[in-house]
Amino acid sequence: MSEAVDMRGGDSAVVPAETGARNMVSTVRKFFAEPSVQRSIPTAAAVIVVFLGLLAYLLLQQPERTTLYASLPENEKARIVDALKNASIDVALDPSSGEVLVPTSDFHRSRILLAAQGLPASTPDGYKQLDDMPMGTSRSVENMRLKHSQEIELARSISEIDSIVSTRVHLAIPEKSVFVRNNPEPTASVMVQMANGRVLGRQQVDAIVHLVSSSVPGMPKQNVTIIDQNGSLLSQGTADAAGRLSDSELEYRMRLENIYRMRIVSLVTPIVGAGNVNAQVNIDIDFTRSELTEEKVDPQGNALRSEQVSSDETTERRARGIPGAVANTPPSEVELAEIEEQAEGADGPSTRTRSTNEVRNYEISRVVSTTQNPSNQIARVFASVLVRDGEVLNPETGQMETEPLSKEKLDEIRELVRNAIGIDDERGDNLAVSSAPFVAAVEGERVEWFEQPWFKEVSQQITTILILAIVALGVIRPLLNRILVPVSPGDPGLVIVGQSEDEEADAVEVSEGESLEEIKAKLRPKKQSISADLLDTANTYDDKVAVIRMIVGEEAGRVSNVFKSMMREEVSSE
């Protein structure tokens, strides 16, 4: 028995530490000895088991996985798996396809990590299919494999561009015909997957088109189509000279406007501070190309163009010889030489004729000039400059307040900008400078809480917990209530036999040395209830105590109420 504390006289006895510990242990025992606590122990045990099961399920649950790279060679898979394991990433291999799988949450981190290490370093080889071609293959199969190898090699070449992640190429090469008019031109389709935030420029698209068209004989550039992973057509207008010219003009205009804007921002920022100025420039550019050819003639200026001089001289001698037939016969060379020698030595009359002809051509002086006006001329410039309002201290409130800039300050900024970008009033340029308060922060689009990614995961987990709780409370708890037998709150030698949860239990005393048959006889249900008249029939003190215990075990509520009323009467009498 614990040591009692007397509160009547106003003196309090000091309870030793050992006695306090025993009282605490006794209180705990009494608490667990309560019938309600005993009945709730199976439920508490079932809840603990369910909680531990859910905890083990959550810890052992496999995360959702996705394929990191597809169609990789085995050596590349081994290198990738080793690199990811060294980075503490839960990597696995698909048992059916052998693909490398990583958790969905680590997908982008894994690809960035591998890209920093230069992995994967290789792509499928297209010509390997030609090496593995068996003998006796038909011509159609050979053509299909050849086309497929060309597609793979073109995809490998295009994937070497830094901003492209992967590429697929489809070639449509028609069969050759003996009729030239029945030979259609081959075509090609290229699909590129761009990296996040990267786009292909016009020059890169043209380079891909040239690469594909040059790799396939007889394929014109306009038959090559390029699209990205978003379905956007990238090769539109590559063969159109007008389209390319328009794109170049637009790029030139945007580049020039950006230069003007940066000039304004860099000039005004030291005055108003960083982030307190914004500028936009619109430039109207004349891309018209004109060429003027002019020819001028000077009638007063003559120039000799050409001159031709010709001279003709003729000499005639008197005829000699004997008239007749013999004289008409031409002499021989010897005779002719003799006749000439005689004629030179003889004195005789002869006839000579001389004529001269001169032709001069004169050209009238003229001047031909060609003037080509330069293109990309700035027609007009429109600029707008917005400056943040200044902050001043309010002496009344002691807080900083915004105040528009003064007219003198705006005029100063306007004059600086005019000189910086070359505003010409005669050309029709316009410049606007104003001051206004800036918004501190711009709120983005709000996403509802049920649309958040975590809501889906939490919903799945809660659904799993509810299913397990229903199974545990609906199946496991009844089984535990049938298996477990609560211990009596009385002495250790008492056992409570419960018929059901709603029925009261009967206490049976078990003594040492009793056989199993005797204990079973005592455990049999009693047909009549125990009354207080049995105390008169008890002879010994032990029998009376046993009867009282039986009465208390059968009607514990009534006995407790009796004791409470007795203690209440005792306290009121004092």
Protein backbone atom coordinates (compact mmCIF):
# COMPACT_ATOMS: atom_id res chain seq x y z
CA MET A 1 0.00 0.00 0.00
CA SER A 2 1.15 3.45 -0.77
CA GLU A 3 1.79 5.96 1.95
CA ALA A 4 -1.20 8.14 2.69
CA VAL A 5 -1.08 11.91 2.90
CA ASP A 6 -3.11 13.59 5.69
CA MET A 7 -4.65 16.90 4.58
CA ARG A 8 -7.03 17.46 7.51
CA GLY A 9 -4.76 19.22 9.91
CA GLY A 10 -3.18 21.38 7.33
CA ASP A 11 0.16 19.53 7.67
CA SER A 12 1.46 17.86 4.57
CA ALA A 13 3.67 14.83 4.77
CA VAL A 14 6.65 14.70 2.50
CA VAL A 15 6.45 11.73 0.18
CA PRO A 16 9.80 10.10 -0.49
CA ALA A 17 11.06 9.76 -4.09
CA GLU A 18 10.73 6.01 -4.07
CA THR A 19 7.14 6.24 -2.87
CA GLY A 20 6.35 8.73 -5.67
CA ALA A 21 7.79 6.39 -8.29
CA ARG A 22 5.75 3.51 -6.92
CA ASN A 23 2.64 5.68 -6.99
CA MET A 24 3.32 6.58 -10.63
CA VAL A 25 3.78 2.93 -11.57
CA SER A 26 0.63 2.04 -9.69
CA THR A 27 -1.27 4.82 -11.52
CA VAL A 28 -0.06 3.54 -14.88
CA ARG A 29 -1.06 0.01 -13.98
CA LYS A 30 -4.50 1.14 -12.89
CA PHE A 31 -4.89 3.07 -16.14
CA PHE A 32 -4.06 0.05 -18.27
CA ALA A 33 -6.22 -2.10 -16.00
CA GLU A 34 -9.35 -0.15 -16.89
CA PRO A 35 -11.83 -2.22 -18.95
CA SER A 36 -12.15 0.52 -21.58
CA VAL A 37 -8.38 0.67 -22.00
CA GLN A 38 -8.20 -3.10 -22.25
CA ARG A 39 -10.85 -3.11 -24.93
CA SER A 40 -9.06 -0.38 -26.93
CA ILE A 41 -5.68 -2.15 -26.93
CA PRO A 42 -6.50 -4.29 -30.02
CA THR A 43 -7.62 -1.21 -31.91
CA ALA A 44 -4.48 0.70 -30.95
CA ALA A 45 -2.34 -2.27 -31.98
CA ALA A 46 -4.15 -2.45 -35.34
CA VAL A 47 -3.61 1.28 -35.92
CA ILE A 48 0.10 0.96 -35.11
CA VAL A 49 0.44 -1.99 -37.47
CA VAL A 50 -1.34 -0.10 -40.26
CA PHE A 51 0.86 2.94 -39.70
CA LEU A 52 4.04 0.89 -39.84
CA GLY A 53 2.77 -0.85 -42.97
CA LEU A 54 2.03 2.45 -44.69
CA LEU A 55 5.41 3.79 -43.70
CA ALA A 56 7.13 0.74 -45.13
CA TYR A 57 5.02 1.03 -48.30
CA LEU A 58 5.97 4.65 -48.82
CA LEU A 59 9.63 3.93 -48.20
CA LEU A 60 9.75 0.92 -50.49
CA GLN A 61 7.56 2.35 -53.23
CA GLN A 62 9.34 2.69 -56.57
CA PRO A 63 9.28 6.19 -58.13
CA GLU A 64 7.85 6.84 -61.57
CA ARG A 65 10.54 6.33 -64.22
CA THR A 66 11.07 7.48 -67.79
CA THR A 67 13.48 6.58 -70.59
CA LEU A 68 16.61 8.73 -70.56
CA TYR A 69 17.91 7.95 -74.07
CA ALA A 70 16.56 5.59 -76.69
CA SER A 71 18.45 3.29 -79.07
CA LEU A 72 21.86 3.57 -77.44
CA PRO A 73 24.66 1.05 -77.94
CA GLU A 74 25.60 -1.18 -75.03
CA ASN A 75 28.92 0.52 -74.33
CA GLU A 76 27.22 3.88 -74.06
CA LYS A 77 24.61 2.42 -71.66
CA ALA A 78 27.35 1.14 -69.38
CA ARG A 79 29.09 4.52 -69.28
CA ILE A 80 25.81 6.34 -68.63
CA VAL A 81 24.82 3.98 -65.80
CA ASP A 82 28.21 4.39 -64.11
CA ALA A 83 28.07 8.17 -64.39
CA LEU A 84 24.56 8.34 -62.91
CA LYS A 85 25.39 5.97 -60.06
CA ASN A 86 28.40 8.11 -59.17
CA ALA A 87 26.04 11.10 -59.02
CA SER A 88 23.72 9.23 -56.57
CA ILE A 89 20.86 8.98 -59.07
CA ASP A 90 18.57 5.96 -58.86
CA VAL A 91 19.14 4.56 -62.36
CA ALA A 92 17.69 1.26 -63.60
CA LEU A 93 17.43 -0.77 -66.81
CA ASP A 94 14.18 -1.80 -68.44
CA PRO A 95 14.07 -5.62 -68.26
CA SER A 96 12.17 -5.89 -71.55
CA SER A 97 13.94 -3.36 -73.81
CA GLY A 98 17.17 -2.68 -71.92
CA GLU A 99 16.67 1.10 -72.03
CA VAL A 100 18.12 3.32 -69.32
CA LEU A 101 15.42 4.47 -66.90
CA VAL A 102 15.65 7.29 -64.35
CA PRO A 103 13.07 8.84 -62.01
CA THR A 104 10.93 11.48 -63.67
CA SER A 105 12.01 14.09 -61.15
CA ASP A 106 15.71 13.47 -62.04
CA PHE A 107 15.27 13.41 -65.83
CA HIS A 108 16.54 16.89 -66.68
CA ARG A 109 19.25 16.80 -64.01
CA SER A 110 20.53 13.50 -65.41
CA ARG A 111 20.71 14.81 -68.98
CA ILE A 112 22.53 17.96 -67.87
CA LEU A 113 24.99 15.88 -65.87
CA LEU A 114 25.67 13.56 -68.80
CA ALA A 115 25.99 16.46 -71.26
CA ALA A 116 28.69 18.00 -69.04
CA GLN A 117 30.63 14.72 -69.35
CA GLY A 118 30.10 14.45 -73.13
CA LEU A 119 27.62 11.58 -72.97
CA PRO A 120 26.22 10.01 -75.02
CA ALA A 121 29.20 10.27 -77.34
CA SER A 122 27.91 8.18 -80.23
CA THR A 123 24.79 7.69 -82.30
CA PRO A 124 23.67 4.70 -84.36
CA ASP A 125 25.84 3.97 -87.41
CA GLY A 126 23.84 3.86 -90.63
CA TYR A 127 26.38 1.96 -92.72
CA LYS A 128 26.40 -0.92 -90.26
CA GLN A 129 23.18 -2.15 -91.84
CA LEU A 130 24.97 -2.53 -95.16
CA ASP A 131 27.73 -4.57 -93.52
CA ASP A 132 25.22 -6.92 -91.94
CA MET A 133 23.26 -7.45 -95.15
CA PRO A 134 23.01 -11.21 -95.91
CA MET A 135 23.71 -12.74 -99.26
CA GLY A 136 20.79 -13.27 -101.62
CA THR A 137 18.97 -10.13 -100.57
CA SER A 138 16.53 -8.82 -103.12
CA ARG A 139 17.04 -5.58 -104.97
CA SER A 140 14.13 -3.88 -103.24
CA VAL A 141 15.49 -4.76 -99.80
CA GLU A 142 18.90 -3.44 -100.78
CA ASN A 143 17.37 -0.16 -101.91
CA MET A 144 15.41 0.16 -98.67
CA ARG A 145 18.48 -0.49 -96.54
CA LEU A 146 20.52 1.93 -98.58
CA LYS A 147 17.89 4.61 -98.14
CA HIS A 148 17.67 3.89 -94.41
CA SER A 149 21.43 4.16 -94.03
CA GLN A 150 21.36 7.50 -95.82
CA GLU A 151 18.65 8.72 -93.45
CA ILE A 152 20.67 7.67 -90.39
CA GLU A 153 23.87 9.28 -91.63
CA LEU A 154 22.09 12.53 -92.50
CA ALA A 155 20.50 12.55 -89.04
CA ARG A 156 23.93 12.06 -87.45
CA SER A 157 25.37 14.95 -89.45
CA ILE A 158 22.51 17.31 -88.59
CA SER A 159 22.61 16.33 -84.88
CA GLU A 160 26.17 17.69 -84.66
CA ILE A 161 24.72 21.20 -84.48
CA ASP A 162 24.92 22.42 -80.90
CA SER A 163 21.31 23.54 -80.50
CA ILE A 164 19.83 20.28 -81.89
CA VAL A 165 19.22 17.37 -79.51
CA SER A 166 18.02 14.72 -81.97
CA THR A 167 17.10 14.48 -85.65
CA ARG A 168 15.04 12.22 -87.86
CA VAL A 169 15.28 12.22 -91.65
CA HIS A 170 12.79 10.70 -94.10
CA LEU A 171 13.76 10.34 -97.76
CA ALA A 172 11.28 9.73 -100.58
CA ILE A 173 13.35 8.50 -103.52
CA PRO A 174 11.25 7.31 -106.48
CA GLU A 175 12.26 4.41 -108.67
CA LYS A 176 13.99 5.29 -111.90
CA SER A 177 12.09 4.91 -115.15
CA VAL A 178 13.26 4.64 -118.75
CA PHE A 179 11.01 7.58 -119.59
CA VAL A 180 12.48 10.89 -118.52
CA ARG A 181 9.11 12.56 -118.08
CA ASN A 182 8.04 9.85 -115.65
CA ASN A 183 10.95 10.41 -113.26
CA PRO A 184 9.68 12.54 -110.35
CA GLU A 185 12.12 14.46 -108.18
CA PRO A 186 13.10 13.03 -104.76
CA THR A 187 11.94 14.76 -101.60
CA ALA A 188 13.13 14.85 -97.99
CA SER A 189 11.59 15.65 -94.62
CA VAL A 190 13.68 16.55 -91.59
CA MET A 191 12.39 16.73 -88.01
CA VAL A 192 14.68 18.31 -85.43
CA GLN A 193 14.27 18.42 -81.67
CA MET A 194 15.68 21.62 -80.29
CA ALA A 195 17.13 22.09 -76.85
CA ASN A 196 15.15 24.10 -74.33
CA GLY A 197 15.29 27.78 -75.18
CA ARG A 198 17.21 27.28 -78.45
CA VAL A 199 16.08 28.09 -81.99
CA LEU A 200 17.58 27.68 -85.45
CA GLY A 201 18.57 30.76 -87.40
CA ARG A 202 17.85 31.31 -91.05
CA GLN A 203 21.46 30.52 -92.01
CA GLN A 204 21.38 27.25 -90.07
CA VAL A 205 18.12 26.22 -91.75
CA ASP A 206 19.59 27.00 -95.17
CA ALA A 207 22.69 24.99 -94.28
CA ILE A 208 20.57 21.95 -93.38
CA VAL A 209 18.63 22.30 -96.63
CA HIS A 210 21.88 22.46 -98.64
CA LEU A 211 23.27 19.46 -96.77
CA VAL A 212 20.25 17.26 -97.50
CA SER A 213 19.82 18.36 -101.11
CA SER A 214 23.50 17.83 -101.85
CA SER A 215 23.50 14.35 -100.30
CA VAL A 216 20.74 13.01 -102.54
CA PRO A 217 21.28 13.15 -106.33
CA GLY A 218 18.68 15.13 -108.23
CA MET A 219 17.00 16.65 -105.19
CA PRO A 220 16.28 20.38 -105.49
CA LYS A 221 16.42 22.60 -102.44
CA GLN A 222 12.73 23.44 -102.53
CA ASN A 223 11.91 19.73 -101.98
CA VAL A 224 13.47 19.71 -98.50
CA THR A 225 11.11 20.34 -95.58
CA ILE A 226 12.31 21.04 -92.01
CA ILE A 227 10.09 21.12 -88.92
CA ASP A 228 10.79 21.21 -85.17
CA GLN A 229 9.27 19.33 -82.23
CA ASN A 230 6.54 22.00 -81.90
CA GLY A 231 5.31 21.44 -85.46
CA SER A 232 6.67 24.75 -86.76
CA LEU A 233 7.79 24.84 -90.39
CA LEU A 234 11.36 26.14 -90.51
CA SER A 235 12.20 25.77 -94.19
CA GLN A 236 9.41 27.97 -95.55
CA GLY A 237 10.64 30.37 -98.22
CA THR A 238 14.23 29.10 -98.29
CA ALA A 239 14.18 28.97 -102.09
CA ASP A 240 12.31 32.23 -102.50
CA ALA A 241 14.71 35.09 -103.14
CA ALA A 242 12.10 37.66 -102.20
CA GLY A 243 11.41 35.86 -98.94
CA ARG A 244 15.08 35.73 -98.03
CA LEU A 245 15.41 39.40 -98.84
CA SER A 246 12.47 40.26 -96.62
CA ASP A 247 13.93 38.28 -93.73
CA SER A 248 17.30 39.96 -94.11
CA GLU A 249 15.66 43.37 -94.20
CA LEU A 250 13.71 42.60 -91.04
CA GLU A 251 16.84 41.37 -89.25
CA TYR A 252 18.71 44.51 -90.31
CA ARG A 253 15.90 46.73 -89.03
CA MET A 254 15.68 44.93 -85.69
CA ARG A 255 19.44 45.05 -85.24
CA LEU A 256 19.54 48.78 -85.99
CA GLU A 257 16.64 49.50 -83.63
CA ASN A 258 18.37 47.55 -80.88
CA ILE A 259 21.53 49.59 -81.37
CA TYR A 260 19.58 52.82 -81.04
CA ARG A 261 17.76 51.56 -77.96
CA MET A 262 20.99 50.54 -76.23
CA ARG A 263 22.42 53.98 -76.95
CA ILE A 264 19.49 55.62 -75.21
CA VAL A 265 19.56 53.29 -72.19
CA SER A 266 23.32 53.57 -71.70
CA LEU A 267 23.11 57.36 -71.94
CA VAL A 268 20.17 57.94 -69.57
CA THR A 269 20.98 55.23 -66.98
CA PRO A 270 23.75 57.22 -65.21
CA ILE A 271 21.27 60.06 -64.73
CA VAL A 272 18.21 58.21 -63.39
CA GLY A 273 19.82 54.97 -62.17
CA ALA A 274 19.82 51.37 -63.33
CA GLY A 275 16.40 49.92 -64.10
CA ASN A 276 14.71 53.33 -64.10
CA VAL A 277 14.60 53.89 -67.87
CA ASN A 278 13.01 52.09 -70.77
CA ALA A 279 13.23 52.98 -74.44
CA GLN A 280 11.72 51.78 -77.68
CA VAL A 281 12.79 52.83 -81.19
CA ASN A 282 10.96 52.39 -84.46
CA ILE A 283 12.99 53.06 -87.61
CA ASP A 284 11.43 53.42 -91.04
CA ILE A 285 14.01 52.22 -93.56
CA ASP A 286 13.82 52.64 -97.33
CA PHE A 287 15.14 49.45 -98.93
CA THR A 288 14.44 50.66 -102.51
CA ARG A 289 17.36 50.23 -104.89
CA SER A 290 17.51 52.62 -107.88
CA GLU A 291 20.04 52.99 -110.69
CA LEU A 292 20.25 56.03 -113.05
CA THR A 293 22.12 56.02 -116.39
CA GLU A 294 22.68 59.40 -118.14
CA GLU A 295 24.28 60.16 -121.55
CA LYS A 296 25.37 63.73 -122.46
CA VAL A 297 26.46 64.86 -126.03
CA ASP A 298 28.75 67.88 -126.63
CA PRO A 299 28.27 69.17 -130.20
CA GLN A 300 31.21 71.55 -129.89
CA GLY A 301 33.71 68.86 -129.11
CA ASN A 302 34.90 66.75 -132.07
CA ALA A 303 37.34 63.96 -131.88
CA LEU A 304 39.03 62.01 -134.71
CA ARG A 305 37.69 58.51 -134.51
CA SER A 306 39.41 56.91 -137.54
CA GLU A 307 41.47 57.81 -140.62
CA GLN A 308 42.07 55.81 -143.84
CA VAL A 309 44.59 56.79 -146.59
CA SER A 310 44.98 54.85 -149.88
CA SER A 311 47.42 55.54 -152.90
CA ASP A 312 47.38 53.95 -156.39
CA GLU A 313 50.16 54.32 -159.17
CA THR A 314 50.02 52.86 -162.74
CA THR A 315 52.89 52.85 -165.47
CA GLU A 316 52.27 51.94 -169.19
CA ARG A 317 55.03 51.18 -171.92
CA ARG A 318 54.72 51.25 -175.74
CA ALA A 319 54.06 47.99 -177.45
CA ARG A 320 56.98 46.32 -179.38
CA GLY A 321 57.36 43.28 -181.62
CA ILE A 322 56.25 41.95 -185.02
CA PRO A 323 52.57 42.17 -185.77
CA GLY A 324 50.84 39.02 -186.58
CA ALA A 325 50.21 35.70 -185.01
CA VAL A 326 53.67 35.38 -183.68
CA ALA A 327 53.36 38.70 -181.94
CA ASN A 328 50.25 37.49 -180.13
CA THR A 329 52.07 34.54 -178.64
CA PRO A 330 53.42 35.28 -175.16
CA PRO A 331 57.22 35.23 -175.04
CA SER A 332 59.18 32.92 -172.86
CA GLU A 333 60.85 33.99 -169.65
CA VAL A 334 64.23 34.32 -171.31
CA GLU A 335 62.86 36.41 -174.13
CA LEU A 336 60.92 38.56 -171.67
CA ALA A 337 64.04 39.28 -169.68
CA GLU A 338 65.94 40.31 -172.81
CA ILE A 339 63.12 42.59 -173.90
CA GLU A 340 63.11 44.33 -170.54
CA GLU A 341 66.84 44.89 -170.65
CA GLN A 342 66.54 46.43 -174.09
CA ALA A 343 63.66 48.62 -173.03
CA GLU A 344 65.56 49.97 -170.07
CA GLY A 345 68.41 50.90 -172.26
CA ALA A 346 66.45 52.35 -175.06
CA ASP A 347 64.90 55.74 -175.19
CA GLY A 348 61.20 55.58 -175.75
CA PRO A 349 58.10 57.25 -174.48
CA SER A 350 55.98 55.62 -171.48
CA THR A 351 52.70 56.56 -169.53
CA ARG A 352 52.34 56.73 -165.67
CA THR A 353 49.08 57.33 -163.52
CA ARG A 354 48.94 58.10 -159.67
CA SER A 355 45.77 58.48 -157.39
CA THR A 356 45.44 59.14 -153.59
CA ASN A 357 42.29 58.63 -151.37
CA GLU A 358 41.95 59.73 -147.68
CA VAL A 359 38.94 59.02 -145.36
CA ARG A 360 38.64 60.61 -141.84
CA ASN A 361 35.83 59.79 -139.31
CA TYR A 362 35.06 62.24 -136.48
CA GLU A 363 33.07 61.40 -133.24
CA ILE A 364 30.90 63.84 -131.40
CA SER A 365 31.92 64.19 -127.72
CA ARG A 366 29.45 62.60 -125.21
CA VAL A 367 29.44 61.59 -121.51
CA VAL A 368 27.66 58.42 -120.11
CA SER A 369 27.24 58.32 -116.29
CA THR A 370 25.56 55.70 -114.10
CA THR A 371 24.36 56.62 -110.59
CA GLN A 372 23.21 53.94 -108.10
CA ASN A 373 21.47 55.25 -105.03
CA PRO A 374 22.46 53.44 -101.81
CA SER A 375 19.81 51.17 -100.23
CA ASN A 376 18.93 50.81 -96.53
CA GLN A 377 18.41 54.52 -96.11
CA ILE A 378 16.76 55.71 -92.90
CA ALA A 379 13.56 57.47 -93.81
CA ARG A 380 12.28 58.37 -90.33
CA VAL A 381 13.05 57.61 -86.70
CA PHE A 382 10.45 57.37 -83.93
CA ALA A 383 11.79 57.04 -80.37
CA SER A 384 9.99 56.88 -77.01
CA VAL A 385 11.77 57.14 -73.67
CA LEU A 386 10.04 56.35 -70.36
CA VAL A 387 11.72 57.35 -67.10
CA ARG A 388 10.70 56.28 -63.60
CA ASP A 389 9.38 58.99 -61.30
CA GLY A 390 11.79 60.25 -58.69
CA GLU A 391 11.48 59.49 -54.97
CA VAL A 392 11.37 62.28 -52.40
CA LEU A 393 11.07 62.22 -48.62
CA ASN A 394 7.78 63.48 -47.26
CA PRO A 395 8.60 65.56 -44.15
CA GLU A 396 5.14 65.10 -42.72
CA THR A 397 4.96 61.30 -42.90
CA GLY A 398 8.68 60.55 -43.03
CA GLN A 399 8.19 58.09 -45.93
CA MET A 400 9.51 58.07 -49.47
CA GLU A 401 6.98 59.12 -52.10
CA THR A 402 7.15 59.21 -55.89
CA GLU A 403 7.19 62.52 -57.72
CA PRO A 404 7.24 63.16 -61.52
CA LEU A 405 10.46 64.55 -62.92
CA SER A 406 10.61 68.24 -63.58
CA LYS A 407 10.24 69.72 -67.04
CA GLU A 408 13.83 70.93 -67.00
CA LYS A 409 15.06 67.39 -66.29
CA LEU A 410 12.95 65.92 -69.09
CA ASP A 411 14.15 68.58 -71.53
CA GLU A 412 17.74 67.79 -70.63
CA ILE A 413 17.18 64.08 -71.25
CA ARG A 414 15.38 64.85 -74.54
CA GLU A 415 18.29 66.93 -75.80
CA LEU A 416 20.81 64.24 -74.93
CA VAL A 417 18.78 61.57 -76.72
CA ARG A 418 18.35 63.77 -79.80
CA ASN A 419 22.09 64.10 -80.19
CA ALA A 420 22.75 60.44 -79.40
CA ILE A 421 20.51 58.91 -82.10
CA GLY A 422 20.57 61.79 -84.59
CA ILE A 423 16.98 63.07 -84.56
CA ASP A 424 16.34 65.18 -87.69
CA ASP A 425 13.23 67.35 -87.66
CA GLU A 426 13.39 68.03 -91.37
CA ARG A 427 13.31 64.31 -92.06
CA GLY A 428 10.15 63.93 -89.95
CA ASP A 429 11.71 62.22 -86.88
CA ASN A 430 9.82 62.25 -83.59
CA LEU A 431 11.09 61.88 -80.01
CA ALA A 432 8.89 61.51 -76.91
CA VAL A 433 10.25 61.59 -73.32
CA SER A 434 7.94 61.17 -70.33
CA SER A 435 8.01 60.20 -66.67
CA ALA A 436 5.70 57.71 -64.92
CA PRO A 437 5.76 55.39 -61.87
CA PHE A 438 6.92 51.81 -62.50
CA VAL A 439 5.17 48.72 -61.14
CA ALA A 440 7.35 47.09 -58.50
CA ALA A 441 6.47 43.51 -59.37
CA VAL A 442 4.35 41.90 -62.04
CA GLU A 443 2.18 39.04 -60.84
CA GLY A 444 2.25 35.97 -63.01
CA GLU A 445 -0.60 33.70 -63.89
CA ARG A 446 -1.98 32.01 -60.81
CA VAL A 447 -2.23 28.26 -60.87
CA GLU A 448 -4.94 26.68 -58.75
CA TRP A 449 -3.84 24.49 -55.88
CA PHE A 450 -5.56 21.43 -57.31
CA GLU A 451 -3.60 21.87 -60.56
CA GLN A 452 -0.25 21.75 -58.81
CA PRO A 453 1.95 18.68 -59.44
CA TRP A 454 2.14 17.88 -55.74
CA PHE A 455 -1.66 17.57 -55.50
CA LYS A 456 -1.68 14.56 -57.80
CA GLU A 457 1.00 12.80 -55.78
CA VAL A 458 -0.69 13.57 -52.46
CA SER A 459 -4.04 12.36 -53.81
CA GLN A 460 -2.50 9.06 -54.86
CA GLN A 461 -0.91 8.59 -51.45
CA ILE A 462 -4.10 9.46 -49.57
CA THR A 463 -6.11 7.06 -51.71
CA THR A 464 -3.65 4.29 -50.95
CA ILE A 465 -3.78 5.06 -47.22
CA LEU A 466 -7.59 5.01 -47.19
CA ILE A 467 -7.69 1.65 -48.95
CA LEU A 468 -5.22 0.17 -46.51
CA ALA A 469 -7.08 1.67 -43.52
CA ILE A 470 -10.37 0.19 -44.70
CA VAL A 471 -8.75 -3.19 -45.08
CA ALA A 472 -7.06 -2.94 -41.68
CA LEU A 473 -10.08 -1.71 -39.72
CA GLY A 474 -12.56 -3.91 -41.53
CA VAL A 475 -10.60 -7.16 -41.58
CA ILE A 476 -7.63 -7.05 -39.22
CA ARG A 477 -9.40 -5.50 -36.24
CA PRO A 478 -12.18 -8.13 -35.98
CA LEU A 479 -9.57 -10.85 -36.23
CA LEU A 480 -7.54 -9.28 -33.44
CA ASN A 481 -10.66 -8.93 -31.26
CA ARG A 482 -11.33 -12.63 -31.65
CA ILE A 483 -7.73 -13.72 -31.07
CA LEU A 484 -6.68 -11.47 -28.22
CA VAL A 485 -8.14 -12.10 -24.71
CA PRO A 486 -8.05 -9.11 -22.39
CA VAL A 487 -6.47 -9.54 -18.98
CA SER A 488 -8.57 -8.99 -15.83
CA PRO A 489 -8.09 -5.75 -13.96
CA GLY A 490 -8.00 -7.73 -10.71
CA ASP A 491 -5.33 -10.00 -9.34
CA PRO A 492 -3.00 -11.90 -11.56
CA GLY A 493 -4.82 -15.12 -10.72
CA LEU A 494 -8.08 -13.96 -12.35
CA VAL A 495 -9.04 -14.51 -15.98
CA ILE A 496 -11.88 -12.72 -17.79
CA VAL A 497 -13.93 -14.73 -20.24
CA GLY A 498 -15.73 -12.42 -22.67
CA GLN A 499 -18.74 -13.60 -24.61
CA SER A 500 -18.89 -10.42 -26.67
CA GLU A 501 -17.83 -6.76 -26.53
CA ASP A 502 -21.19 -5.71 -25.07
CA GLU A 503 -21.49 -8.41 -22.43
CA GLU A 504 -19.91 -8.26 -19.00
CA ALA A 505 -17.12 -10.69 -18.21
CA ASP A 506 -17.04 -13.20 -15.36
CA ALA A 507 -14.03 -13.45 -13.06
CA VAL A 508 -12.78 -16.90 -12.16
CA GLU A 509 -10.05 -17.50 -9.63
CA VAL A 510 -7.33 -19.94 -10.62
CA SER A 511 -5.32 -21.45 -7.81
CA GLU A 512 -2.03 -23.26 -7.92
CA GLY A 513 -2.17 -26.98 -8.44
CA GLU A 514 -5.56 -26.99 -10.19
CA SER A 515 -5.92 -29.25 -13.17
CA LEU A 516 -7.05 -28.25 -16.62
CA GLU A 517 -10.39 -29.94 -16.16
CA GLU A 518 -11.07 -27.97 -12.99
CA ILE A 519 -10.22 -24.69 -14.75
CA LYS A 520 -12.56 -25.56 -17.62
CA ALA A 521 -15.33 -26.32 -15.16
CA LYS A 522 -14.88 -22.92 -13.60
CA LEU A 523 -14.86 -21.25 -17.05
CA ARG A 524 -18.28 -22.64 -17.92
CA PRO A 525 -20.97 -19.95 -18.05
CA LYS A 526 -23.06 -19.57 -14.94
CA LYS A 527 -26.73 -19.70 -15.23
CA GLN A 528 -27.57 -17.57 -12.19
CA SER A 529 -26.11 -14.28 -11.15
CA ILE A 530 -24.15 -13.74 -8.00
CA SER A 531 -26.01 -11.93 -5.22
CA ALA A 532 -25.05 -10.50 -1.83
CA ASP A 533 -26.80 -13.39 -0.07
CA LEU A 534 -23.83 -15.59 -0.80
CA LEU A 535 -21.86 -13.69 1.83
CA ASP A 536 -24.01 -15.28 4.52
CA THR A 537 -23.22 -18.72 3.24
CA ALA A 538 -19.47 -18.10 3.24
CA ASN A 539 -17.80 -19.45 6.32
CA THR A 540 -14.22 -18.31 6.09
CA TYR A 541 -12.66 -14.93 5.38
CA ASP A 542 -11.15 -16.10 2.12
CA ASP A 543 -14.53 -17.31 0.88
CA LYS A 544 -16.11 -13.95 1.65
CA VAL A 545 -13.31 -12.12 -0.21
CA ALA A 546 -13.79 -14.38 -3.21
CA VAL A 547 -17.54 -13.69 -3.24
CA ILE A 548 -16.93 -9.94 -3.04
CA ARG A 549 -14.51 -10.19 -5.95
CA MET A 550 -17.07 -12.07 -7.97
CA ILE A 551 -19.71 -9.45 -7.22
CA VAL A 552 -17.32 -6.64 -8.14
CA GLY A 553 -16.39 -8.42 -11.35
CA GLU A 554 -20.06 -8.81 -12.33
CA GLU A 555 -21.31 -5.35 -11.31
CA ALA A 556 -18.22 -3.15 -11.31
CA GLY A 557 -20.22 -0.01 -12.10
CA ARG A 558 -22.57 -0.36 -9.19
CA VAL A 559 -19.75 -1.09 -6.76
CA SER A 560 -17.79 1.94 -7.93
CA ASN A 561 -20.84 4.16 -7.46
CA VAL A 562 -21.25 2.82 -3.94
CA PHE A 563 -17.66 3.61 -3.06
CA LYS A 564 -18.00 7.08 -4.56
CA SER A 565 -21.07 7.82 -2.48
CA MET A 566 -19.34 6.58 0.67
CA MET A 567 -16.31 8.77 0.05
CA ARG A 568 -18.56 11.74 -0.71
CA GLU A 569 -20.45 11.26 2.58
CA GLU A 570 -17.21 10.93 4.51
CA VAL A 571 -15.84 14.17 3.01
CA SER A 572 -19.09 16.07 3.69
CA SER A 573 -19.20 14.86 7.33
CA GLU A 574 -15.67 16.16 7.93
